Amino acid sequence: MTAIEPLRVRPSSRKPSAPAPTLRYVRQLAAEHGPLVAGCDEVGRGALAGPVSVGVVVVDVRSVRTRTVLRDSKLLSPEKRVELVPLVRSWGVASAVGHASADEIDAFGLMEALRLAGTRALAEIALDGVVPDVVHLDGNYDWLGRGGQNALFGDAVAVPGTPVRTMIKADLKCQAVAAASILAKVERDALMMQLGAEDPRYGWAVNKGYATPEHRAALLEFGPTAWHRRSWNLEGGAVLLDDDGKMGL
């Protein structure tokens, strides 16, 4: 009798998808600080042109409902991000996106520009009468309150009276932070696409100001514009990537 060879299953090349963000950390922070929790995230940190933009979405733990469709903006298609904006706006009790310009990045440095953009978003929310009890910030450094710690939740630091807690990969873990990342990404992308339509030489409608080879080549040919971060190494050096090692398109 001929021996039957065992079936060999080739391992899948697909990476397991990340678990969906939840409201777990929102509820933890609310228990410690109060019911209004603001998720906060930034986009545009690694770009050569355009602003840095910071999204803030405030949820009320007493009434918020989980939204499993929310994901970190980098995991969603551009079309899906735009589709989710009305849901995000209606889900939170307040939301805003703040920006800091290329000129401000050159004048004050990137961390201070991020703080300016974030406080502008919080100020816009305050005009609607909403002041969060705590801000949940993506990352391990508190650029918003300037003093966060590398921990699960960093030390609370006041941003005019509001404590800030940092968390690495909060945009993957917390629905409020994921929602903030969507708003910031959609608004900044729309701005860069508008600028790209007005001046198509640098391909901003596609690269959103990040350092693609085509963007680098255009800088060598045409030089920088008023929208470029002139204090950066614009015309040489390695391609700048975002915090996740991608070009951030």
Protein backbone atom coordinates (compact mmCIF):
# COMPACT_ATOMS: atom_id res chain seq x y z
CA MET A 1 0.00 0.00 0.00
CA THR A 2 1.32 3.41 -0.95
CA ALA A 3 1.95 5.68 2.01
CA ILE A 4 -0.10 8.87 2.06
CA GLU A 5 1.96 11.96 2.67
CA PRO A 6 0.59 14.28 5.32
CA LEU A 7 -1.03 17.45 4.07
CA ARG A 8 1.34 20.37 4.42
CA VAL A 9 -0.33 23.66 5.19
CA ARG A 10 1.65 26.66 4.07
CA PRO A 11 1.65 29.33 6.79
CA SER A 12 -0.32 32.45 5.96
CA SER A 13 1.68 35.51 5.02
CA ARG A 14 -1.02 37.80 6.39
CA LYS A 15 -0.30 39.60 9.60
CA PRO A 16 -2.99 39.22 12.24
CA SER A 17 -5.16 42.31 12.37
CA ALA A 18 -4.82 44.50 15.44
CA PRO A 19 -7.61 44.24 18.00
CA ALA A 20 -10.17 47.01 17.69
CA PRO A 21 -9.73 49.93 20.09
CA THR A 22 -12.12 49.99 23.03
CA LEU A 23 -13.47 52.33 25.71
CA ARG A 24 -11.50 50.58 28.44
CA TYR A 25 -8.98 53.37 28.94
CA VAL A 26 -11.62 56.07 28.62
CA ARG A 27 -13.47 54.49 31.53
CA GLN A 28 -10.24 54.11 33.55
CA LEU A 29 -9.36 57.76 33.12
CA ALA A 30 -12.93 58.88 33.83
CA ALA A 31 -12.91 56.96 37.11
CA GLU A 32 -9.79 58.84 38.18
CA HIS A 33 -10.42 62.33 36.79
CA GLY A 34 -14.04 62.85 35.74
CA PRO A 35 -16.51 61.92 32.99
CA LEU A 36 -15.23 64.10 30.12
CA VAL A 37 -12.27 62.37 28.48
CA ALA A 38 -10.53 63.89 25.45
CA GLY A 39 -8.73 61.66 22.97
CA CYS A 40 -5.85 63.49 21.26
CA ASP A 41 -3.61 62.59 18.32
CA GLU A 42 -1.41 64.37 15.76
CA VAL A 43 -0.62 64.02 12.07
CA GLY A 44 1.98 65.65 9.83
CA ARG A 45 4.91 65.32 12.21
CA GLY A 46 7.26 63.86 9.57
CA ALA A 47 6.18 65.91 6.55
CA LEU A 48 8.41 68.39 4.73
CA ALA A 49 5.55 70.76 3.93
CA GLY A 50 2.28 71.84 5.48
CA PRO A 51 1.19 72.13 9.10
CA VAL A 52 1.21 69.72 11.98
CA SER A 53 -2.40 69.04 12.93
CA VAL A 54 -3.84 67.83 16.22
CA GLY A 55 -7.28 66.29 16.59
CA VAL A 56 -9.24 66.27 19.85
CA VAL A 57 -12.47 64.35 20.49
CA VAL A 58 -14.16 64.63 23.88
CA VAL A 59 -16.48 61.84 25.01
CA ASP A 60 -18.74 61.73 28.06
CA VAL A 61 -18.35 58.39 29.81
CA ARG A 62 -21.86 58.70 31.24
CA SER A 63 -23.47 58.47 27.80
CA VAL A 64 -20.85 57.29 25.30
CA ARG A 65 -21.50 54.09 23.35
CA THR A 66 -18.80 51.92 21.85
CA ARG A 67 -18.14 52.34 18.12
CA THR A 68 -16.25 49.31 16.88
CA VAL A 69 -15.79 50.81 13.40
CA LEU A 70 -13.28 53.31 14.78
CA ARG A 71 -9.63 52.57 14.04
CA ASP A 72 -6.34 54.42 13.97
CA SER A 73 -6.50 56.54 10.82
CA LYS A 74 -3.43 54.83 9.31
CA LEU A 75 -5.36 51.55 9.21
CA LEU A 76 -8.25 53.02 7.20
CA SER A 77 -8.54 53.93 3.54
CA PRO A 78 -8.91 57.64 2.72
CA GLU A 79 -12.51 57.01 1.68
CA LYS A 80 -13.33 55.25 4.96
CA ARG A 81 -11.77 58.03 7.01
CA VAL A 82 -13.93 60.65 5.29
CA GLU A 83 -17.00 58.44 5.72
CA LEU A 84 -16.40 58.19 9.48
CA VAL A 85 -16.07 61.93 10.13
CA PRO A 86 -19.83 62.58 10.67
CA LEU A 87 -20.02 59.62 13.04
CA VAL A 88 -17.02 60.91 15.02
CA ARG A 89 -18.47 64.42 15.21
CA SER A 90 -21.84 63.17 16.47
CA TRP A 91 -20.27 60.57 18.81
CA GLY A 92 -18.22 63.03 20.81
CA VAL A 93 -19.70 65.84 22.90
CA ALA A 94 -17.11 68.15 21.32
CA SER A 95 -14.34 67.88 18.73
CA ALA A 96 -11.84 70.09 16.92
CA VAL A 97 -8.63 70.08 14.92
CA GLY A 98 -5.87 72.61 15.56
CA HIS A 99 -2.98 73.43 13.24
CA ALA A 100 0.49 74.94 13.54
CA SER A 101 2.04 76.26 10.34
CA ALA A 102 5.37 75.52 8.71
CA ASP A 103 6.51 79.01 9.77
CA GLU A 104 5.67 78.19 13.39
CA ILE A 105 7.52 74.88 13.16
CA ASP A 106 10.58 76.78 11.86
CA ALA A 107 10.30 79.48 14.52
CA PHE A 108 9.54 77.41 17.61
CA GLY A 109 10.49 73.82 16.83
CA LEU A 110 8.31 70.77 16.22
CA MET A 111 7.36 69.97 19.83
CA GLU A 112 6.26 73.53 20.54
CA ALA A 113 4.32 73.59 17.26
CA LEU A 114 2.50 70.42 18.29
CA ARG A 115 1.63 72.03 21.60
CA LEU A 116 0.32 75.12 19.81
CA ALA A 117 -1.86 73.01 17.51
CA GLY A 118 -3.19 70.96 20.43
CA THR A 119 -4.00 73.95 22.62
CA ARG A 120 -5.74 75.60 19.67
CA ALA A 121 -7.97 72.56 19.31
CA LEU A 122 -8.71 72.59 23.06
CA ALA A 123 -9.43 76.33 22.92
CA GLU A 124 -11.94 75.79 20.12
CA ILE A 125 -13.68 73.14 22.19
CA ALA A 126 -13.71 75.47 25.20
CA LEU A 127 -15.58 78.07 23.12
CA ASP A 128 -18.39 75.51 22.91
CA GLY A 129 -18.41 75.31 26.69
CA VAL A 130 -16.64 71.93 26.94
CA VAL A 131 -13.52 71.52 29.10
CA PRO A 132 -12.29 67.92 29.37
CA ASP A 133 -11.44 66.46 32.76
CA VAL A 134 -8.41 64.67 31.28
CA VAL A 135 -6.65 64.34 27.92
CA HIS A 136 -5.56 60.92 26.65
CA LEU A 137 -2.57 61.57 24.38
CA ASP A 138 -1.03 59.13 21.91
CA GLY A 139 2.68 58.48 22.38
CA ASN A 140 5.21 58.31 25.19
CA TYR A 141 6.05 62.01 25.42
CA ASP A 142 3.66 64.69 26.60
CA TRP A 143 4.27 67.45 24.06
CA LEU A 144 0.86 68.91 24.94
CA GLY A 145 1.64 69.56 28.61
CA ARG A 146 5.42 69.28 28.09
CA GLY A 147 6.48 66.69 30.62
CA GLY A 148 4.89 63.28 30.08
CA GLN A 149 6.47 59.99 31.15
CA ASN A 150 7.07 56.74 29.28
CA ALA A 151 4.50 54.63 31.08
CA LEU A 152 1.09 53.08 30.58
CA PHE A 153 -0.44 56.35 31.65
CA GLY A 154 2.20 59.05 32.06
CA ASP A 155 2.25 61.40 35.02
CA ALA A 156 -0.58 63.90 34.94
CA VAL A 157 0.63 67.29 33.72
CA ALA A 158 -1.57 70.37 33.58
CA VAL A 159 -2.58 71.87 30.26
CA PRO A 160 -4.23 74.96 31.66
CA GLY A 161 -5.87 72.95 34.42
CA THR A 162 -6.38 69.74 32.45
CA PRO A 163 -4.24 66.67 33.23
CA VAL A 164 -2.65 64.80 30.32
CA ARG A 165 -1.99 61.07 30.27
CA THR A 166 0.20 59.51 27.60
CA MET A 167 0.06 55.98 26.21
CA ILE A 168 2.15 54.34 23.53
CA LYS A 169 -0.07 53.27 20.60
CA ALA A 170 -3.15 54.82 22.20
CA ASP A 171 -4.52 55.32 18.69
CA LEU A 172 -4.66 51.52 18.39
CA LYS A 173 -6.11 50.93 21.86
CA CYS A 174 -8.50 53.78 22.70
CA GLN A 175 -11.57 54.67 20.63
CA ALA A 176 -11.41 58.35 21.60
CA VAL A 177 -7.80 58.67 20.42
CA ALA A 178 -8.55 56.73 17.22
CA ALA A 179 -11.44 59.12 16.56
CA ALA A 180 -9.13 62.11 17.06
CA SER A 181 -6.62 60.63 14.62
CA ILE A 182 -9.33 60.32 11.96
CA LEU A 183 -10.41 63.96 12.28
CA ALA A 184 -6.84 65.26 12.19
CA LYS A 185 -5.87 63.12 9.20
CA VAL A 186 -8.95 64.01 7.13
CA GLU A 187 -8.65 67.75 7.79
CA ARG A 188 -4.91 67.93 7.11
CA ASP A 189 -5.21 65.76 3.97
CA ALA A 190 -7.94 68.05 2.63
CA LEU A 191 -5.75 71.10 3.23
CA MET A 192 -2.76 69.53 1.46
CA MET A 193 -4.93 68.44 -1.47
CA GLN A 194 -6.20 72.01 -1.82
CA LEU A 195 -2.64 73.35 -1.76
CA GLY A 196 -1.65 70.68 -4.27
CA ALA A 197 -4.38 71.81 -6.63
CA GLU A 198 -3.12 75.40 -6.37
CA ASP A 199 0.53 74.39 -6.91
CA PRO A 200 0.81 70.90 -8.46
CA ARG A 201 4.61 70.90 -8.79
CA TYR A 202 5.29 69.04 -5.53
CA GLY A 203 2.57 66.39 -5.73
CA TRP A 204 0.95 67.37 -2.43
CA ALA A 205 -2.43 66.09 -3.61
CA VAL A 206 -0.86 62.62 -3.46
CA ASN A 207 2.02 62.78 -0.97
CA LYS A 208 0.34 65.24 1.47
CA GLY A 209 3.67 67.01 2.00
CA TYR A 210 5.68 63.93 2.98
CA ALA A 211 9.13 63.23 1.58
CA THR A 212 8.46 61.00 -1.40
CA PRO A 213 11.13 60.79 -4.12
CA GLU A 214 8.93 62.93 -6.39
CA HIS A 215 8.61 65.60 -3.70
CA ARG A 216 12.39 65.60 -3.18
CA ALA A 217 12.97 65.91 -6.92
CA ALA A 218 10.58 68.87 -7.16
CA LEU A 219 12.39 70.60 -4.29
CA LEU A 220 15.69 70.23 -6.15
CA GLU A 221 14.14 71.65 -9.30
CA PHE A 222 11.94 74.43 -7.93
CA GLY A 223 13.16 75.09 -4.39
CA PRO A 224 10.98 75.44 -1.28
CA THR A 225 7.71 77.34 -1.02
CA ALA A 226 6.17 79.26 1.87
CA TRP A 227 4.46 76.01 2.89
CA HIS A 228 7.75 74.14 3.34
CA ARG A 229 9.53 73.74 6.67
CA ARG A 230 12.64 75.65 5.68
CA SER A 231 14.56 74.82 8.85
CA TRP A 232 14.52 71.13 7.85
CA ASN A 233 16.91 69.31 5.52
CA LEU A 234 14.59 69.72 2.56
CA GLU A 235 16.82 68.95 -0.40
CA GLY A 236 18.98 66.12 0.88
CA GLY A 237 19.27 63.31 3.39
CA ALA A 238 17.08 60.30 3.95
CA VAL A 239 13.36 60.24 3.28
CA LEU A 240 11.47 61.24 6.41
CA LEU A 241 8.89 58.78 7.65
CA ASP A 242 6.08 59.04 10.15
CA ASP A 243 6.13 57.45 13.61
CA ASP A 244 5.11 54.08 12.19
CA GLY A 245 7.83 53.94 9.55
CA LYS A 246 5.52 54.89 6.70
CA MET A 247 5.39 57.92 4.43
CA GLY A 248 2.09 58.92 5.96
CA LEU A 249 0.15 59.15 2.69
